[in-house]
Amino acid sequence: MKKILFFFLLVNFCFSQNEKLSITKIDSICNANGTYGRMKGDINIKNEKNEIIGFGGSSIKTYLNYYNQEYYNNLTREEKKRYNKEKDSELIKANFNQNILYYNNIQESMFGEFYYYKNQLFYLKLKITKNDIVYSYTLNESELENEKEIKNELGLELKKWITEKNLEILKFHNN
């Protein structure tokens, strides 16, 4: 009986060591450490005829933390430089915000919280507001990797949008 109990405890311990940090813990780390970088940009929305039908702006704000923050804090300056180049232990949270005003007075706003581990998107919280109606999505790693189009009520190619913003965030962060 003791051997079986020991086995279950050992298995549980091994699996818990490999889990990613919880989203709540990542948010608290990000709030404590502040932002890593910010980028803002202007947007012109065009139709199929390449005519501008709306304008707006977007911003990216990233937070950076190392998976083993205590270990990182105890490194020398030179060791931190080497550690920074590896980027394998990096945990990133990025807030993406986009607001658009179409010329027909329709407003659209998107706010996404992108969560990364080792430069891989593993969780996304997305809120879209259009015509005062709010749509919320929470997508985990398996839903993000699914090749099927993510269903939404807006007719927006959400999978394509997520892929584009993901690349934009990683490009901004890794430069």
N, C-alpha and C. Protein backbone atom coordinates (compact mmCIF):
# COMPACT_ATOMS: atom_id res chain seq x y z
N MET A 1 0.82 -1.19 0.00
CA MET A 1 0.00 0.00 0.00
C MET A 1 0.87 1.26 0.00
N LYS A 2 1.92 1.25 0.82
CA LYS A 2 2.81 2.40 0.89
C LYS A 2 3.51 2.63 -0.44
N LYS A 3 3.86 1.52 -1.13
CA LYS A 3 4.53 1.64 -2.42
C LYS A 3 3.61 2.28 -3.45
N ILE A 4 2.35 1.91 -3.44
CA ILE A 4 1.38 2.48 -4.39
C ILE A 4 1.20 3.96 -4.11
N LEU A 5 1.04 4.33 -2.85
CA LEU A 5 0.90 5.73 -2.46
C LEU A 5 2.13 6.53 -2.87
N PHE A 6 3.32 5.99 -2.63
CA PHE A 6 4.56 6.65 -3.02
C PHE A 6 4.61 6.85 -4.54
N PHE A 7 4.20 5.83 -5.28
CA PHE A 7 4.20 5.91 -6.74
C PHE A 7 3.29 7.05 -7.22
N PHE A 8 2.08 7.14 -6.67
CA PHE A 8 1.15 8.20 -7.07
C PHE A 8 1.68 9.59 -6.71
N LEU A 9 2.29 9.71 -5.56
CA LEU A 9 2.87 11.00 -5.17
C LEU A 9 4.03 11.38 -6.10
N LEU A 10 4.85 10.41 -6.45
CA LEU A 10 5.97 10.67 -7.35
C LEU A 10 5.48 11.10 -8.73
N VAL A 11 4.50 10.39 -9.26
CA VAL A 11 3.95 10.74 -10.57
C VAL A 11 3.33 12.13 -10.54
N ASN A 12 2.57 12.43 -9.51
CA ASN A 12 1.94 13.73 -9.37
C ASN A 12 2.99 14.84 -9.29
N PHE A 13 4.05 14.62 -8.53
CA PHE A 13 5.12 15.60 -8.39
C PHE A 13 5.80 15.85 -9.74
N CYS A 14 6.09 14.79 -10.48
CA CYS A 14 6.77 14.92 -11.77
C CYS A 14 5.93 15.72 -12.75
N PHE A 15 4.64 15.43 -12.81
CA PHE A 15 3.77 16.16 -13.75
C PHE A 15 3.58 17.60 -13.32
N SER A 16 3.49 17.87 -12.04
CA SER A 16 3.27 19.25 -11.60
C SER A 16 4.50 20.10 -11.87
N GLN A 17 5.67 19.52 -11.91
CA GLN A 17 6.88 20.29 -12.20
C GLN A 17 6.92 20.75 -13.65
N ASN A 18 6.25 20.04 -14.54
CA ASN A 18 6.27 20.37 -15.96
C ASN A 18 5.14 21.28 -16.40
N GLU A 19 4.21 21.60 -15.50
CA GLU A 19 3.09 22.45 -15.87
C GLU A 19 3.56 23.87 -16.13
N LYS A 20 2.87 24.54 -17.07
CA LYS A 20 3.15 25.95 -17.28
C LYS A 20 2.55 26.73 -16.12
N LEU A 21 3.04 27.93 -15.94
CA LEU A 21 2.48 28.77 -14.88
C LEU A 21 1.01 29.05 -15.18
N SER A 22 0.24 29.21 -14.16
CA SER A 22 -1.17 29.53 -14.36
C SER A 22 -1.30 30.95 -14.89
N ILE A 23 -2.39 31.21 -15.59
CA ILE A 23 -2.64 32.53 -16.16
C ILE A 23 -2.72 33.58 -15.04
N THR A 24 -3.33 33.25 -13.93
CA THR A 24 -3.44 34.17 -12.80
C THR A 24 -2.06 34.54 -12.28
N LYS A 25 -1.17 33.54 -12.16
CA LYS A 25 0.18 33.81 -11.67
C LYS A 25 0.96 34.68 -12.67
N ILE A 26 0.79 34.40 -13.96
CA ILE A 26 1.46 35.21 -14.98
C ILE A 26 0.99 36.66 -14.87
N ASP A 27 -0.32 36.87 -14.73
CA ASP A 27 -0.85 38.23 -14.60
C ASP A 27 -0.27 38.94 -13.38
N SER A 28 -0.16 38.24 -12.26
CA SER A 28 0.39 38.88 -11.06
C SER A 28 1.87 39.19 -11.23
N ILE A 29 2.62 38.31 -11.90
CA ILE A 29 4.04 38.58 -12.18
C ILE A 29 4.17 39.81 -13.07
N CYS A 30 3.34 39.88 -14.11
CA CYS A 30 3.39 41.02 -15.03
C CYS A 30 3.05 42.32 -14.33
N ASN A 31 2.06 42.29 -13.47
CA ASN A 31 1.69 43.51 -12.73
C ASN A 31 2.81 43.95 -11.81
N ALA A 32 3.54 43.01 -11.24
CA ALA A 32 4.64 43.35 -10.33
C ALA A 32 5.86 43.87 -11.09
N ASN A 33 6.13 43.32 -12.27
CA ASN A 33 7.37 43.66 -12.98
C ASN A 33 7.23 44.81 -13.97
N GLY A 34 6.04 45.19 -14.34
CA GLY A 34 5.87 46.29 -15.28
C GLY A 34 6.07 45.85 -16.72
N THR A 35 6.09 46.82 -17.62
CA THR A 35 6.15 46.51 -19.05
C THR A 35 7.57 46.39 -19.56
N TYR A 36 7.70 45.64 -20.61
CA TYR A 36 8.98 45.45 -21.28
C TYR A 36 9.10 46.39 -22.46
N GLY A 37 8.03 46.54 -23.24
CA GLY A 37 8.08 47.40 -24.40
C GLY A 37 6.70 47.77 -24.87
N ARG A 38 6.63 48.86 -25.64
CA ARG A 38 5.37 49.34 -26.19
C ARG A 38 5.57 49.74 -27.64
N MET A 39 4.52 49.55 -28.42
CA MET A 39 4.55 49.99 -29.81
C MET A 39 3.14 50.47 -30.17
N LYS A 40 3.07 51.57 -30.87
CA LYS A 40 1.78 52.09 -31.33
C LYS A 40 1.83 52.27 -32.84
N GLY A 41 0.66 52.15 -33.48
CA GLY A 41 0.61 52.33 -34.92
C GLY A 41 -0.75 52.79 -35.37
N ASP A 42 -0.78 53.43 -36.53
CA ASP A 42 -2.03 53.87 -37.14
C ASP A 42 -2.48 52.86 -38.17
N ILE A 43 -3.80 52.77 -38.34
CA ILE A 43 -4.38 51.80 -39.26
C ILE A 43 -5.32 52.51 -40.23
N ASN A 44 -5.21 52.16 -41.50
CA ASN A 44 -6.20 52.56 -42.50
C ASN A 44 -6.85 51.29 -43.01
N ILE A 45 -8.18 51.23 -42.92
CA ILE A 45 -8.93 50.06 -43.36
C ILE A 45 -9.38 50.29 -44.79
N LYS A 46 -9.10 49.29 -45.64
CA LYS A 46 -9.46 49.41 -47.06
C LYS A 46 -10.42 48.30 -47.45
N ASN A 47 -11.24 48.59 -48.46
CA ASN A 47 -12.15 47.57 -48.98
C ASN A 47 -11.50 46.84 -50.15
N GLU A 48 -12.30 46.01 -50.84
CA GLU A 48 -11.76 45.22 -51.96
C GLU A 48 -11.24 46.10 -53.10
N LYS A 49 -11.81 47.31 -53.24
CA LYS A 49 -11.40 48.23 -54.30
C LYS A 49 -10.22 49.10 -53.88
N ASN A 50 -9.65 48.79 -52.72
CA ASN A 50 -8.50 49.51 -52.17
C ASN A 50 -8.84 50.95 -51.75
N GLU A 51 -10.11 51.20 -51.46
CA GLU A 51 -10.54 52.50 -50.98
C GLU A 51 -10.53 52.48 -49.45
N ILE A 52 -10.11 53.58 -48.85
CA ILE A 52 -10.08 53.66 -47.39
C ILE A 52 -11.51 53.82 -46.88
N ILE A 53 -11.94 52.90 -46.00
CA ILE A 53 -13.30 52.95 -45.47
C ILE A 53 -13.33 53.17 -43.96
N GLY A 54 -12.16 53.30 -43.35
CA GLY A 54 -12.08 53.52 -41.92
C GLY A 54 -10.66 53.75 -41.48
N PHE A 55 -10.51 54.19 -40.25
CA PHE A 55 -9.17 54.44 -39.71
C PHE A 55 -9.17 54.11 -38.23
N GLY A 56 -7.99 54.00 -37.68
CA GLY A 56 -7.88 53.70 -36.25
C GLY A 56 -6.45 53.59 -35.82
N GLY A 57 -6.27 52.92 -34.71
CA GLY A 57 -4.94 52.76 -34.16
C GLY A 57 -4.84 51.45 -33.41
N SER A 58 -3.61 51.04 -33.20
CA SER A 58 -3.38 49.81 -32.45
C SER A 58 -2.16 50.01 -31.57
N SER A 59 -2.07 49.19 -30.54
CA SER A 59 -0.90 49.25 -29.67
C SER A 59 -0.59 47.85 -29.14
N ILE A 60 0.69 47.63 -28.91
CA ILE A 60 1.16 46.38 -28.31
C ILE A 60 1.95 46.76 -27.07
N LYS A 61 1.66 46.10 -25.98
CA LYS A 61 2.41 46.29 -24.74
C LYS A 61 2.82 44.90 -24.28
N THR A 62 4.11 44.68 -24.10
CA THR A 62 4.57 43.35 -23.69
C THR A 62 5.14 43.41 -22.28
N TYR A 63 4.99 42.29 -21.60
CA TYR A 63 5.55 42.07 -20.27
C TYR A 63 6.49 40.89 -20.40
N LEU A 64 7.57 40.93 -19.69
CA LEU A 64 8.58 39.87 -19.79
C LEU A 64 8.90 39.34 -18.40
N ASN A 65 8.97 38.05 -18.30
CA ASN A 65 9.40 37.44 -17.06
C ASN A 65 10.13 36.16 -17.41
N TYR A 66 11.04 35.76 -16.56
CA TYR A 66 11.74 34.51 -16.76
C TYR A 66 11.07 33.46 -15.91
N TYR A 67 10.94 32.28 -16.47
CA TYR A 67 10.21 31.21 -15.82
C TYR A 67 10.75 30.94 -14.42
N ASN A 68 12.05 31.04 -14.26
CA ASN A 68 12.66 30.86 -12.95
C ASN A 68 13.22 32.22 -12.52
N GLN A 69 12.35 33.13 -12.09
CA GLN A 69 12.74 34.50 -11.77
C GLN A 69 13.74 34.57 -10.63
N GLU A 70 13.59 33.74 -9.63
CA GLU A 70 14.50 33.76 -8.49
C GLU A 70 15.92 33.41 -8.94
N TYR A 71 16.04 32.39 -9.78
CA TYR A 71 17.35 32.00 -10.32
C TYR A 71 17.95 33.16 -11.12
N TYR A 72 17.12 33.77 -11.98
CA TYR A 72 17.57 34.88 -12.82
C TYR A 72 18.07 36.06 -11.97
N ASN A 73 17.34 36.40 -10.93
CA ASN A 73 17.72 37.53 -10.07
C ASN A 73 19.06 37.31 -9.39
N ASN A 74 19.45 36.07 -9.18
CA ASN A 74 20.72 35.77 -8.49
C ASN A 74 21.91 35.68 -9.44
N LEU A 75 21.71 35.84 -10.74
CA LEU A 75 22.81 35.77 -11.69
C LEU A 75 23.61 37.07 -11.70
N THR A 76 24.89 36.96 -12.10
CA THR A 76 25.70 38.16 -12.28
C THR A 76 25.26 38.86 -13.56
N ARG A 77 25.76 40.05 -13.77
CA ARG A 77 25.39 40.82 -14.97
C ARG A 77 25.76 40.06 -16.25
N GLU A 78 26.94 39.49 -16.28
CA GLU A 78 27.38 38.72 -17.45
C GLU A 78 26.53 37.47 -17.67
N GLU A 79 26.20 36.79 -16.58
CA GLU A 79 25.35 35.60 -16.69
C GLU A 79 23.95 35.97 -17.18
N LYS A 80 23.45 37.13 -16.74
CA LYS A 80 22.13 37.58 -17.21
C LYS A 80 22.14 37.86 -18.71
N LYS A 81 23.24 38.43 -19.21
CA LYS A 81 23.34 38.69 -20.65
C LYS A 81 23.27 37.39 -21.44
N ARG A 82 24.00 36.38 -20.99
CA ARG A 82 23.96 35.07 -21.65
C ARG A 82 22.57 34.46 -21.56
N TYR A 83 21.99 34.56 -20.40
CA TYR A 83 20.65 34.00 -20.16
C TYR A 83 19.61 34.70 -21.04
N ASN A 84 19.76 36.02 -21.20
CA ASN A 84 18.83 36.79 -22.04
C ASN A 84 18.87 36.35 -23.49
N LYS A 85 20.04 35.95 -23.97
CA LYS A 85 20.18 35.53 -25.36
C LYS A 85 19.49 34.20 -25.64
N GLU A 86 19.36 33.37 -24.63
CA GLU A 86 18.78 32.04 -24.83
C GLU A 86 17.30 32.12 -25.14
N LYS A 87 16.55 32.95 -24.46
CA LYS A 87 15.11 33.16 -24.64
C LYS A 87 14.28 31.90 -24.46
N ASP A 88 14.87 30.78 -24.09
CA ASP A 88 14.10 29.55 -23.93
C ASP A 88 13.28 29.54 -22.65
N SER A 89 13.72 30.26 -21.66
CA SER A 89 13.00 30.23 -20.39
C SER A 89 12.09 31.44 -20.25
N GLU A 90 11.88 32.15 -21.33
CA GLU A 90 11.15 33.39 -21.30
C GLU A 90 9.64 33.18 -21.31
N LEU A 91 8.99 33.92 -20.48
CA LEU A 91 7.54 33.93 -20.40
C LEU A 91 7.09 35.32 -20.78
N ILE A 92 6.20 35.42 -21.74
CA ILE A 92 5.79 36.73 -22.24
C ILE A 92 4.28 36.84 -22.17
N LYS A 93 3.82 38.01 -21.80
CA LYS A 93 2.41 38.36 -21.93
C LYS A 93 2.37 39.61 -22.78
N ALA A 94 1.48 39.63 -23.76
CA ALA A 94 1.35 40.81 -24.61
C ALA A 94 -0.11 41.23 -24.62
N ASN A 95 -0.32 42.52 -24.44
CA ASN A 95 -1.65 43.09 -24.59
C ASN A 95 -1.70 43.77 -25.95
N PHE A 96 -2.69 43.39 -26.74
CA PHE A 96 -2.88 44.00 -28.06
C PHE A 96 -4.22 44.72 -28.04
N ASN A 97 -4.20 45.99 -28.44
CA ASN A 97 -5.41 46.79 -28.46
C ASN A 97 -5.56 47.44 -29.83
N GLN A 98 -6.75 47.35 -30.40
CA GLN A 98 -7.00 47.93 -31.73
C GLN A 98 -8.37 48.58 -31.71
N ASN A 99 -8.45 49.83 -32.16
CA ASN A 99 -9.71 50.55 -32.26
C ASN A 99 -9.86 51.08 -33.68
N ILE A 100 -11.03 50.86 -34.27
CA ILE A 100 -11.28 51.29 -35.65
C ILE A 100 -12.62 52.03 -35.71
N LEU A 101 -12.64 53.12 -36.43
CA LEU A 101 -13.87 53.86 -36.72
C LEU A 101 -14.07 53.83 -38.22
N TYR A 102 -15.15 53.19 -38.63
CA TYR A 102 -15.48 53.14 -40.06
C TYR A 102 -16.23 54.41 -40.44
N TYR A 103 -16.15 54.78 -41.70
CA TYR A 103 -16.80 56.01 -42.16
C TYR A 103 -18.33 55.94 -42.06
N ASN A 104 -18.91 54.76 -41.92
CA ASN A 104 -20.36 54.63 -41.73
C ASN A 104 -20.72 54.66 -40.25
N ASN A 105 -19.82 55.20 -39.40
CA ASN A 105 -19.99 55.38 -37.95
C ASN A 105 -20.08 54.08 -37.15
N ILE A 106 -19.60 53.00 -37.69
CA ILE A 106 -19.51 51.76 -36.93
C ILE A 106 -18.15 51.74 -36.25
N GLN A 107 -18.17 51.46 -34.96
CA GLN A 107 -16.93 51.37 -34.20
C GLN A 107 -16.63 49.92 -33.88
N GLU A 108 -15.35 49.60 -33.95
CA GLU A 108 -14.91 48.24 -33.64
C GLU A 108 -13.67 48.32 -32.76
N SER A 109 -13.67 47.55 -31.71
CA SER A 109 -12.52 47.54 -30.83
C SER A 109 -12.17 46.10 -30.48
N MET A 110 -10.88 45.81 -30.45
CA MET A 110 -10.40 44.48 -30.12
C MET A 110 -9.32 44.60 -29.06
N PHE A 111 -9.45 43.78 -28.05
CA PHE A 111 -8.43 43.74 -27.01
C PHE A 111 -8.08 42.28 -26.77
N GLY A 112 -6.80 41.96 -26.89
CA GLY A 112 -6.36 40.59 -26.70
C GLY A 112 -5.22 40.51 -25.72
N GLU A 113 -5.25 39.49 -24.89
CA GLU A 113 -4.15 39.17 -23.99
C GLU A 113 -3.55 37.87 -24.49
N PHE A 114 -2.34 37.97 -25.04
CA PHE A 114 -1.63 36.83 -25.63
C PHE A 114 -0.61 36.34 -24.62
N TYR A 115 -0.60 35.05 -24.35
CA TYR A 115 0.33 34.45 -23.38
C TYR A 115 1.28 33.51 -24.12
N TYR A 116 2.58 33.69 -23.89
CA TYR A 116 3.62 32.91 -24.58
C TYR A 116 4.53 32.23 -23.57
N TYR A 117 4.99 31.08 -23.96
CA TYR A 117 6.07 30.41 -23.24
C TYR A 117 7.02 29.88 -24.30
N LYS A 118 8.30 30.24 -24.19
CA LYS A 118 9.32 29.87 -25.18
C LYS A 118 8.88 30.28 -26.59
N ASN A 119 8.40 31.51 -26.71
CA ASN A 119 7.96 32.11 -27.98
C ASN A 119 6.80 31.36 -28.65
N GLN A 120 6.07 30.55 -27.90
CA GLN A 120 4.91 29.83 -28.43
C GLN A 120 3.66 30.34 -27.75
N LEU A 121 2.69 30.76 -28.54
CA LEU A 121 1.41 31.21 -28.00
C LEU A 121 0.69 30.00 -27.42
N PHE A 122 0.31 30.07 -26.13
CA PHE A 122 -0.39 28.95 -25.53
C PHE A 122 -1.75 29.32 -24.94
N TYR A 123 -2.08 30.61 -24.89
CA TYR A 123 -3.37 31.00 -24.33
C TYR A 123 -3.72 32.39 -24.85
N LEU A 124 -5.00 32.62 -25.11
CA LEU A 124 -5.43 33.92 -25.62
C LEU A 124 -6.79 34.26 -25.04
N LYS A 125 -6.89 35.47 -24.51
CA LYS A 125 -8.17 36.03 -24.10
C LYS A 125 -8.44 37.18 -25.06
N LEU A 126 -9.59 37.15 -25.72
CA LEU A 126 -9.90 38.14 -26.74
C LEU A 126 -11.28 38.71 -26.50
N LYS A 127 -11.39 40.03 -26.56
CA LYS A 127 -12.67 40.71 -26.42
C LYS A 127 -12.84 41.63 -27.62
N ILE A 128 -13.94 41.45 -28.35
CA ILE A 128 -14.24 42.26 -29.52
C ILE A 128 -15.55 43.00 -29.26
N THR A 129 -15.54 44.31 -29.47
CA THR A 129 -16.74 45.12 -29.32
C THR A 129 -17.06 45.74 -30.68
N LYS A 130 -18.27 45.47 -31.16
CA LYS A 130 -18.71 46.04 -32.43
C LYS A 130 -20.17 46.42 -32.28
N ASN A 131 -20.47 47.66 -32.60
CA ASN A 131 -21.84 48.18 -32.47
C ASN A 131 -22.38 47.97 -31.05
N ASP A 132 -21.56 48.23 -30.07
CA ASP A 132 -21.91 48.11 -28.65
C ASP A 132 -22.26 46.69 -28.21
N ILE A 133 -21.93 45.69 -29.02
CA ILE A 133 -22.11 44.29 -28.64
C ILE A 133 -20.72 43.71 -28.36
N VAL A 134 -20.58 43.03 -27.22
CA VAL A 134 -19.29 42.50 -26.82
C VAL A 134 -19.26 40.99 -27.04
N TYR A 135 -18.20 40.55 -27.71
CA TYR A 135 -17.95 39.12 -27.94
C TYR A 135 -16.65 38.77 -27.23
N SER A 136 -16.66 37.71 -26.45
CA SER A 136 -15.47 37.30 -25.71
C SER A 136 -15.08 35.88 -26.10
N TYR A 137 -13.77 35.67 -26.21
CA TYR A 137 -13.22 34.36 -26.55
C TYR A 137 -12.07 34.06 -25.61
N THR A 138 -12.01 32.82 -25.17
CA THR A 138 -10.88 32.33 -24.39
C THR A 138 -10.43 31.06 -25.08
N LEU A 139 -9.20 31.09 -25.60
CA LEU A 139 -8.70 29.98 -26.39
C LEU A 139 -7.43 29.40 -25.76
N ASN A 140 -7.45 28.10 -25.54
CA ASN A 140 -6.26 27.45 -24.99
C ASN A 140 -5.38 26.94 -26.14
N GLU A 141 -4.31 26.29 -25.79
CA GLU A 141 -3.31 25.86 -26.78
C GLU A 141 -3.90 24.95 -27.86
N SER A 142 -4.71 23.99 -27.47
CA SER A 142 -5.26 23.07 -28.47
C SER A 142 -6.25 23.77 -29.39
N GLU A 143 -7.03 24.71 -28.88
CA GLU A 143 -7.96 25.46 -29.72
C GLU A 143 -7.21 26.39 -30.68
N LEU A 144 -6.09 26.94 -30.23
CA LEU A 144 -5.29 27.82 -31.09
C LEU A 144 -4.61 27.04 -32.21
N GLU A 145 -4.22 25.80 -31.93
CA GLU A 145 -3.53 24.99 -32.92
C GLU A 145 -4.48 24.30 -33.89
N ASN A 146 -5.76 24.24 -33.56
CA ASN A 146 -6.74 23.60 -34.41
C ASN A 146 -6.82 24.33 -35.75
N GLU A 147 -6.75 23.58 -36.83
CA GLU A 147 -6.72 24.18 -38.17
C GLU A 147 -8.07 24.76 -38.59
N LYS A 148 -9.15 24.31 -37.97
CA LYS A 148 -10.47 24.81 -38.35
C LYS A 148 -10.59 26.28 -37.99
N GLU A 149 -11.43 26.98 -38.73
CA GLU A 149 -11.69 28.38 -38.44
C GLU A 149 -12.39 28.48 -37.09
N ILE A 150 -11.95 29.43 -36.27
CA ILE A 150 -12.58 29.64 -34.97
C ILE A 150 -13.92 30.32 -35.22
N LYS A 151 -14.98 29.73 -34.70
CA LYS A 151 -16.32 30.24 -34.95
C LYS A 151 -16.52 31.56 -34.22
N ASN A 152 -17.13 32.51 -34.92
CA ASN A 152 -17.47 33.77 -34.29
C ASN A 152 -18.72 34.35 -34.97
N GLU A 153 -19.37 35.22 -34.27
CA GLU A 153 -20.62 35.79 -34.74
C GLU A 153 -20.41 36.98 -35.67
N LEU A 154 -19.19 37.45 -35.83
CA LEU A 154 -18.93 38.66 -36.59
C LEU A 154 -18.63 38.42 -38.06
N GLY A 155 -18.41 37.17 -38.44
CA GLY A 155 -18.00 36.90 -39.81
C GLY A 155 -16.53 37.25 -40.05
N LEU A 156 -15.82 37.54 -38.99
CA LEU A 156 -14.40 37.90 -39.05
C LEU A 156 -13.57 36.62 -39.16
N GLU A 157 -12.55 36.64 -40.00
CA GLU A 157 -11.64 35.50 -40.10
C GLU A 157 -10.71 35.55 -38.88
N LEU A 158 -11.23 35.05 -37.79
CA LEU A 158 -10.56 35.17 -36.50
C LEU A 158 -9.23 34.42 -36.46
N LYS A 159 -9.18 33.24 -37.04
CA LYS A 159 -7.93 32.45 -37.05
C LYS A 159 -6.82 33.22 -37.78
N LYS A 160 -7.18 33.83 -38.92
CA LYS A 160 -6.21 34.62 -39.70
C LYS A 160 -5.76 35.84 -38.89
N TRP A 161 -6.70 36.51 -38.23
CA TRP A 161 -6.39 37.69 -37.44
C TRP A 161 -5.44 37.33 -36.30
N ILE A 162 -5.72 36.22 -35.61
CA ILE A 162 -4.87 35.78 -34.50
C ILE A 162 -3.46 35.46 -34.99
N THR A 163 -3.36 34.78 -36.13
CA THR A 163 -2.05 34.44 -36.69
C THR A 163 -1.26 35.70 -37.04
N GLU A 164 -1.92 36.69 -37.67
CA GLU A 164 -1.26 37.95 -38.04
C GLU A 164 -0.78 38.71 -36.81
N LYS A 165 -1.64 38.82 -35.80
CA LYS A 165 -1.27 39.57 -34.59
C LYS A 165 -0.19 38.83 -33.80
N ASN A 166 -0.26 37.50 -33.78
CA ASN A 166 0.77 36.71 -33.13
C ASN A 166 2.14 36.99 -33.75
N LEU A 167 2.22 36.97 -35.08
CA LEU A 167 3.49 37.25 -35.77
C LEU A 167 3.96 38.67 -35.51
N GLU A 168 3.02 39.60 -35.50
CA GLU A 168 3.35 41.02 -35.24
C GLU A 168 3.93 41.19 -33.83
N ILE A 169 3.32 40.55 -32.86
CA ILE A 169 3.78 40.65 -31.47
C ILE A 169 5.17 40.02 -31.32
N LEU A 170 5.36 38.83 -31.89
CA LEU A 170 6.67 38.16 -31.77
C LEU A 170 7.76 38.95 -32.49
N LYS A 171 7.44 39.51 -33.64
CA LYS A 171 8.42 40.33 -34.37
C LYS A 171 8.81 41.54 -33.53
N PHE A 172 7.83 42.21 -32.96
CA PHE A 172 8.10 43.36 -32.10
C PHE A 172 8.93 42.97 -30.89
N HIS A 173 8.56 41.88 -30.25
CA HIS A 173 9.24 41.46 -29.04
C HIS A 173 10.67 40.99 -29.28
N ASN A 174 10.89 40.27 -30.37
CA ASN A 174 12.20 39.67 -30.63
C ASN A 174 13.19 40.62 -31.29
N ASN A 175 12.76 41.82 -31.64
CA ASN A 175 13.70 42.80 -32.22
C ASN A 175 14.34 43.66 -31.17
